[in-house]
């Protein structure tokens, strides 16, 4: 039934009957849908949505609201019982963030207000990333809750930071965000691939390699320190390897394949050489560098007992390249 038809039907009923219809429909709405669309809030104030659209675009007012939200979120007030954030408000955090996201995006990145907006985009990104792995809100799927994936959100930040005002410091700020917790519902490589996609010139790519290499060094220093303290180093090793894979992929995009492979071999942390080689070969295959794949595979034939899937790939890729002397 269309809205026009619905209105015509409702004209047939008295007010008391309309009340019965509304109550019956309300009972049939699933709890999840009620929360998602804030049905209770709409019923309490039918003009709330209209008022939201007409809200002032004053950046100072918005900033104060976001600052308070961030303060409460980092204090865990949206995840545990407290007297500051009422229980019925804790589950509505995502509606706040969705509105913040929309309003911040209304400011162009190259304006004074836009620079402030970008800063708060980043601050919200930090709490959402943290909340995807640590209980911070009423649910764990923080990015799904605001209907923006972590990589898409990151893409927006990169474009705002780099599009109209590229600087080495801006690029450094973006790379720092690659250290944040990764949404477990996305591949960890998504954010890194999004980063690479936004490196539009050879100069920017080379600067990115320089900055990422410093991150690799920092990670290795952290690992050494943690080993001395006999602490777990899994996260630091994985992060270090993510940075190394990112550098490799940038080298591949620059057609400096040999340099990238050399950097990978010298820095990638993996106890099993076969696993290390498998990851490298998968990256080469994903980038359709088949001749380099064959060359790399054959260079380690005497050192590594490859898994069956790689042996199969070898035959298929070699046939694809129309090479001979299959081993």
Protein backbone atom coordinates (compact mmCIF):
# COMPACT_ATOMS: atom_id res chain seq x y z
CA UNK A 1 0.00 0.00 0.00
CA UNK A 2 1.32 3.44 -0.93
CA UNK A 3 1.38 6.35 1.56
CA UNK A 4 -1.41 8.13 -0.34
CA UNK A 5 -3.57 5.03 -0.12
CA UNK A 6 -2.74 4.63 3.58
CA UNK A 7 -3.92 8.16 4.29
CA UNK A 8 -7.21 7.49 2.52
CA UNK A 9 -7.75 4.34 4.56
CA UNK A 10 -7.01 6.12 7.85
CA UNK A 11 -9.68 8.71 7.09
CA UNK A 12 -12.26 5.99 7.58
CA UNK A 13 -11.34 5.47 11.24
CA UNK A 14 -12.14 7.37 14.41
CA UNK A 15 -9.27 8.57 16.62
CA UNK A 16 -9.77 5.74 19.11
CA UNK A 17 -9.47 3.19 16.29
CA UNK A 18 -6.32 4.87 14.97
CA UNK A 19 -4.82 4.53 18.44
CA UNK A 20 -5.55 0.79 18.38
CA UNK A 21 -3.88 0.46 14.97
CA UNK A 22 -0.76 2.32 16.13
CA UNK A 23 -0.46 0.22 19.29
CA UNK A 24 -0.90 -3.03 17.36
CA UNK A 25 1.69 -2.02 14.76
CA UNK A 26 4.11 -0.99 17.51
CA UNK A 27 3.79 -4.43 19.14
CA UNK A 28 4.71 -6.09 15.84
CA UNK A 29 7.89 -4.06 15.27
CA UNK A 30 10.98 -6.12 16.28
CA UNK A 31 13.06 -4.65 19.10
CA UNK A 32 16.11 -4.33 16.83
CA UNK A 33 14.13 -2.27 14.29
CA UNK A 34 12.74 -0.05 17.07
CA UNK A 35 16.29 0.73 18.20
CA UNK A 36 17.68 1.13 14.70
CA UNK A 37 15.09 3.73 13.68
CA UNK A 38 14.60 5.19 17.18
CA UNK A 39 10.86 4.52 17.01
CA UNK A 40 10.40 5.40 20.68
CA UNK A 41 12.07 8.76 20.18
CA UNK A 42 9.89 9.46 17.15
CA UNK A 43 6.73 8.65 19.10
CA UNK A 44 7.80 10.88 22.00
CA UNK A 45 8.55 13.77 19.65
CA UNK A 46 7.19 13.45 16.12
CA UNK A 47 9.01 16.66 15.13
CA UNK A 48 12.44 15.47 16.33
CA UNK A 49 13.58 14.43 12.86
CA UNK A 50 12.52 17.76 11.41
CA UNK A 51 14.36 19.66 14.12
CA UNK A 52 17.52 17.66 13.48
CA UNK A 53 17.54 18.76 9.86
CA UNK A 54 17.09 22.36 10.90
CA UNK A 55 19.87 22.27 13.53
CA UNK A 56 22.43 25.04 13.45
CA UNK A 57 25.60 24.32 11.52
CA UNK A 58 27.65 26.18 14.13
CA UNK A 59 30.92 24.25 14.35
CA UNK A 60 31.58 25.34 17.95
CA UNK A 61 28.31 23.88 19.17
CA UNK A 62 28.97 20.64 17.31
CA UNK A 63 32.51 20.41 18.67
CA UNK A 64 31.32 20.79 22.26
CA UNK A 65 28.82 17.99 21.75
CA UNK A 66 31.43 15.69 20.20
CA UNK A 67 33.98 16.48 22.92
CA UNK A 68 31.50 15.50 25.61
CA UNK A 69 30.56 12.33 23.72
CA UNK A 70 34.21 11.32 23.35
CA UNK A 71 34.92 12.02 27.02
CA UNK A 72 32.03 9.78 28.07
CA UNK A 73 32.88 7.06 25.54
CA UNK A 74 36.55 6.83 26.55
CA UNK A 75 35.41 6.65 30.18
CA UNK A 76 33.29 3.60 29.31
CA UNK A 77 30.02 5.32 30.15
CA UNK A 78 28.29 3.91 27.06
CA UNK A 79 29.17 0.34 28.03
CA UNK A 80 28.57 0.07 31.77
CA UNK A 81 25.92 1.14 34.31
CA UNK A 82 26.35 4.72 35.49
CA UNK A 83 24.32 7.76 36.48
CA UNK A 84 25.72 10.06 33.79
CA UNK A 85 24.48 8.28 30.65
CA UNK A 86 21.00 6.75 31.25
CA UNK A 87 20.51 3.14 30.21
CA UNK A 88 18.06 4.00 27.43
CA UNK A 89 20.60 6.46 25.96
CA UNK A 90 23.57 4.07 25.87
CA UNK A 91 22.22 2.04 22.98
CA UNK A 92 21.55 5.21 20.99
CA UNK A 93 25.23 6.17 20.73
CA UNK A 94 25.29 5.17 17.06
CA UNK A 95 22.60 7.70 16.17
CA UNK A 96 24.77 10.41 17.67
CA UNK A 97 27.83 9.28 15.72
CA UNK A 98 25.87 8.97 12.47
CA UNK A 99 24.69 12.56 12.93
CA UNK A 100 28.21 13.75 13.84
CA UNK A 101 29.54 12.04 10.72
CA UNK A 102 26.94 13.69 8.49
CA UNK A 103 27.34 17.16 9.98
CA UNK A 104 31.15 17.08 9.98
CA UNK A 105 31.07 16.06 6.34
CA UNK A 106 29.13 19.22 5.48
CA UNK A 107 32.29 21.29 6.06
CA UNK A 108 34.68 21.43 3.11
CA UNK A 109 38.15 20.16 4.09
CA UNK A 110 40.03 23.23 2.81
CA UNK A 111 38.19 25.72 5.06
CA UNK A 112 38.96 26.72 8.65
CA UNK A 113 35.86 24.87 9.84
CA UNK A 114 36.72 21.94 7.58
CA UNK A 115 40.13 21.49 9.20
CA UNK A 116 38.41 21.34 12.59
CA UNK A 117 35.87 18.86 11.19
CA UNK A 118 38.67 16.62 9.88
CA UNK A 119 40.28 16.60 13.32
CA UNK A 120 37.03 15.39 14.88
CA UNK A 121 36.51 12.82 12.12
CA UNK A 122 39.84 11.37 13.24
CA UNK A 123 38.98 11.49 16.95
CA UNK A 124 35.71 9.65 16.32
CA UNK A 125 37.56 7.16 14.11
CA UNK A 126 39.92 6.39 17.00
CA UNK A 127 37.14 5.59 19.47
CA UNK A 128 35.25 3.50 16.89
CA UNK A 129 38.41 1.53 16.06
CA UNK A 130 39.11 0.95 19.73
CA UNK A 131 35.49 0.00 20.32
CA UNK A 132 35.59 -2.64 17.59
CA UNK A 133 38.00 -4.70 19.73
CA UNK A 134 37.31 -3.51 23.28
CA UNK A 135 33.93 -3.11 24.96
CA UNK A 136 33.29 0.62 24.66
CA UNK A 137 29.67 0.81 23.52
CA UNK A 138 26.54 -1.29 23.89
CA UNK A 139 27.67 -3.41 20.91
CA UNK A 140 31.00 -4.43 19.36
CA UNK A 141 30.33 -3.88 15.66
CA UNK A 142 31.00 -0.16 15.85
CA UNK A 143 31.49 0.58 12.15
CA UNK A 144 28.61 -1.62 11.10
CA UNK A 145 26.46 0.21 13.65
CA UNK A 146 27.05 3.57 11.94
CA UNK A 147 26.71 1.93 8.50
CA UNK A 148 30.20 2.96 7.34
CA UNK A 149 33.00 0.40 7.05
CA UNK A 150 36.32 1.14 8.72
CA UNK A 151 38.13 1.28 5.37
CA UNK A 152 35.52 3.65 3.86
CA UNK A 153 35.76 5.90 6.91
CA UNK A 154 39.56 5.84 6.62
CA UNK A 155 39.27 6.68 2.92
CA UNK A 156 37.27 9.79 3.81
CA UNK A 157 39.92 10.90 6.31
CA UNK A 158 42.76 10.40 3.81
CA UNK A 159 40.97 12.40 1.12
CA UNK A 160 40.23 15.23 3.55
CA UNK A 161 43.86 15.32 4.73
CA UNK A 162 45.56 15.02 1.36
CA UNK A 163 43.33 16.24 -1.46
CA UNK A 164 43.76 19.99 -1.05
CA UNK A 165 46.67 20.26 1.35
CA UNK A 166 49.34 17.58 0.90
CA UNK A 167 52.24 17.68 3.31
CA UNK A 168 54.60 15.15 4.79
CA UNK A 169 53.14 15.85 8.23
CA UNK A 170 49.61 15.12 6.97
CA UNK A 171 50.81 11.85 5.48
CA UNK A 172 52.53 11.01 8.77
CA UNK A 173 49.26 11.64 10.65
CA UNK A 174 47.44 9.24 8.32
CA UNK A 175 50.07 6.52 8.74
CA UNK A 176 49.70 6.76 12.53
CA UNK A 177 46.06 5.75 12.09
CA UNK A 178 47.25 2.49 10.51
CA UNK A 179 48.41 1.52 14.00
CA UNK A 180 44.86 1.55 15.33
CA UNK A 181 42.85 -1.58 16.07
CA UNK A 182 41.42 -3.17 12.93
CA UNK A 183 37.74 -4.00 12.67
CA UNK A 184 37.60 -7.82 13.08
CA UNK A 185 34.79 -7.93 10.51
CA UNK A 186 37.16 -6.62 7.80
CA UNK A 187 40.44 -7.95 6.48
CA UNK A 188 43.32 -6.18 8.22
CA UNK A 189 44.76 -5.39 4.79
CA UNK A 190 41.69 -3.29 3.84
CA UNK A 191 42.94 -0.15 5.57
CA UNK A 192 46.43 -0.53 4.11
CA UNK A 193 45.08 -1.09 0.61
CA UNK A 194 42.86 1.98 1.02
CA UNK A 195 45.94 3.95 2.03
CA UNK A 196 47.91 2.80 -1.02
CA UNK A 197 44.99 3.57 -3.35
CA UNK A 198 45.12 7.22 -2.27
CA UNK A 199 48.83 7.68 -3.03
CA UNK A 200 48.41 9.44 -6.35
CA UNK A 201 51.94 10.45 -7.38
CA UNK A 202 55.40 8.91 -7.48
CA UNK A 203 56.72 11.51 -5.03
CA UNK A 204 53.95 10.81 -2.50
CA UNK A 205 54.56 7.06 -2.82
CA UNK A 206 58.28 7.51 -2.13
CA UNK A 207 57.56 9.69 0.90
CA UNK A 208 55.10 7.05 2.11
CA UNK A 209 57.78 4.35 1.83
CA UNK A 210 60.18 6.50 3.87
CA UNK A 211 57.60 7.08 6.62
CA UNK A 212 56.42 3.46 6.65
CA UNK A 213 60.02 2.25 6.94
CA UNK A 214 60.34 4.35 10.11
CA UNK A 215 57.24 2.62 11.46
CA UNK A 216 58.86 -0.75 10.72
CA UNK A 217 61.94 0.33 12.69
CA UNK A 218 59.75 1.52 15.57
CA UNK A 219 57.89 -1.79 15.62
CA UNK A 220 61.14 -3.74 15.73
CA UNK A 221 62.39 -1.62 18.62
CA UNK A 222 59.14 -2.29 20.48
CA UNK A 223 59.51 -6.04 19.86
CA UNK A 224 63.08 -6.04 21.22
CA UNK A 225 61.94 -4.12 24.31
CA UNK A 226 58.99 -6.47 24.93
CA UNK A 227 61.21 -9.54 24.47
CA UNK A 228 63.56 -8.21 27.15
CA UNK A 229 60.57 -7.76 29.43
CA UNK A 230 59.35 -11.25 28.48
CA UNK A 231 56.04 -9.87 27.23
CA UNK A 232 53.86 -10.99 24.32
CA UNK A 233 54.90 -9.53 20.94
CA UNK A 234 52.25 -11.00 18.62
CA UNK A 235 50.44 -7.71 17.94
CA UNK A 236 53.69 -5.79 17.30
CA UNK A 237 54.95 -8.48 14.89
CA UNK A 238 51.68 -8.52 12.96
CA UNK A 239 51.65 -4.72 12.74
CA UNK A 240 55.28 -4.68 11.62
CA UNK A 241 54.49 -7.21 8.89
CA UNK A 242 51.48 -5.16 7.79
CA UNK A 243 53.74 -2.14 7.31
CA UNK A 244 56.26 -4.28 5.40
CA UNK A 245 53.57 -5.69 3.09
CA UNK A 246 52.35 -2.15 2.51
CA UNK A 247 55.84 -1.02 1.50
CA UNK A 248 56.15 -4.02 -0.82
CA UNK A 249 52.85 -3.19 -2.52
CA UNK A 250 53.88 0.45 -3.01
CA UNK A 251 57.14 -0.70 -4.61
CA UNK A 252 55.12 -2.97 -6.90
CA UNK A 253 52.92 -0.03 -7.90
CA UNK A 254 56.10 1.85 -8.79
CA UNK A 255 57.24 -1.13 -10.91
CA UNK A 256 60.24 -1.56 -8.60
CA UNK A 257 59.51 -5.23 -8.09
CA UNK A 258 63.03 -6.44 -7.25
CA UNK A 259 63.50 -3.63 -4.70
CA UNK A 260 60.19 -4.49 -3.08
CA UNK A 261 60.96 -8.21 -2.88
CA UNK A 262 64.40 -7.50 -1.43
CA UNK A 263 62.89 -5.23 1.24
CA UNK A 264 60.32 -7.91 2.08
CA UNK A 265 62.94 -10.65 2.49
CA UNK A 266 65.17 -8.46 4.66
CA UNK A 267 62.44 -7.33 7.03
CA UNK A 268 59.41 -9.65 7.14
CA UNK A 269 59.08 -11.49 10.47
CA UNK A 270 58.08 -15.15 10.19
CA UNK A 271 59.60 -18.22 11.79
CA UNK A 272 58.65 -20.54 8.94
CA UNK A 273 60.30 -19.63 5.63
CA UNK A 274 57.58 -21.43 3.65
CA UNK A 275 54.86 -19.25 5.18
CA UNK A 276 56.90 -16.11 4.52
CA UNK A 277 57.36 -17.16 0.89
CA UNK A 278 53.70 -18.08 0.51
CA UNK A 279 52.60 -14.59 1.57
CA UNK A 280 55.03 -12.97 -0.86
CA UNK A 281 53.89 -15.16 -3.75
CA UNK A 282 50.23 -14.43 -2.99
CA UNK A 283 50.91 -10.68 -3.17
CA UNK A 284 52.75 -11.08 -6.49
CA UNK A 285 49.87 -13.16 -7.85
CA UNK A 286 47.26 -10.64 -6.68
CA UNK A 287 49.17 -7.97 -8.59
CA UNK A 288 49.32 -10.25 -11.68
CA UNK A 289 53.12 -10.17 -11.72
CA UNK A 290 53.31 -13.69 -13.07
CA UNK A 291 56.84 -13.68 -14.48
CA UNK A 292 58.14 -12.30 -11.19
CA UNK A 293 56.08 -14.96 -9.39
CA UNK A 294 57.79 -17.71 -11.40
CA UNK A 295 61.22 -16.18 -10.84
CA UNK A 296 60.66 -15.91 -7.08
CA UNK A 297 59.20 -19.42 -6.79
CA UNK A 298 62.07 -21.05 -8.67
CA UNK A 299 64.71 -19.12 -6.71
CA UNK A 300 63.64 -20.97 -3.55
CA UNK A 301 63.04 -24.44 -4.96
CA UNK A 302 66.13 -25.87 -3.31
CA UNK A 303 65.36 -24.25 0.05
CA UNK A 304 61.62 -24.65 0.53
CA UNK A 305 59.20 -27.55 0.33
CA UNK A 306 56.21 -25.68 -1.05
CA UNK A 307 52.64 -26.55 -0.09
CA UNK A 308 50.51 -28.33 -2.68
CA UNK A 309 48.47 -25.24 -3.53
CA UNK A 310 51.63 -23.37 -4.52
CA UNK A 311 52.86 -26.30 -6.60
CA UNK A 312 49.54 -26.24 -8.42
CA UNK A 313 49.79 -22.47 -8.89
CA UNK A 314 53.28 -22.91 -10.30
CA UNK A 315 52.08 -25.19 -13.06
CA UNK A 316 49.08 -23.00 -13.89
CA UNK A 317 51.02 -19.72 -13.87
CA UNK A 318 53.87 -21.18 -15.87
CA UNK A 319 51.42 -22.42 -18.49
CA UNK A 320 49.78 -19.02 -18.50
CA UNK A 321 53.13 -17.38 -19.17
CA UNK A 322 53.83 -20.02 -21.82
CA UNK A 323 57.10 -20.98 -20.21
CA UNK A 324 58.79 -24.37 -20.49
CA UNK A 325 60.88 -26.64 -18.28
CA UNK A 326 58.22 -27.22 -15.65
CA UNK A 327 59.79 -28.74 -12.55
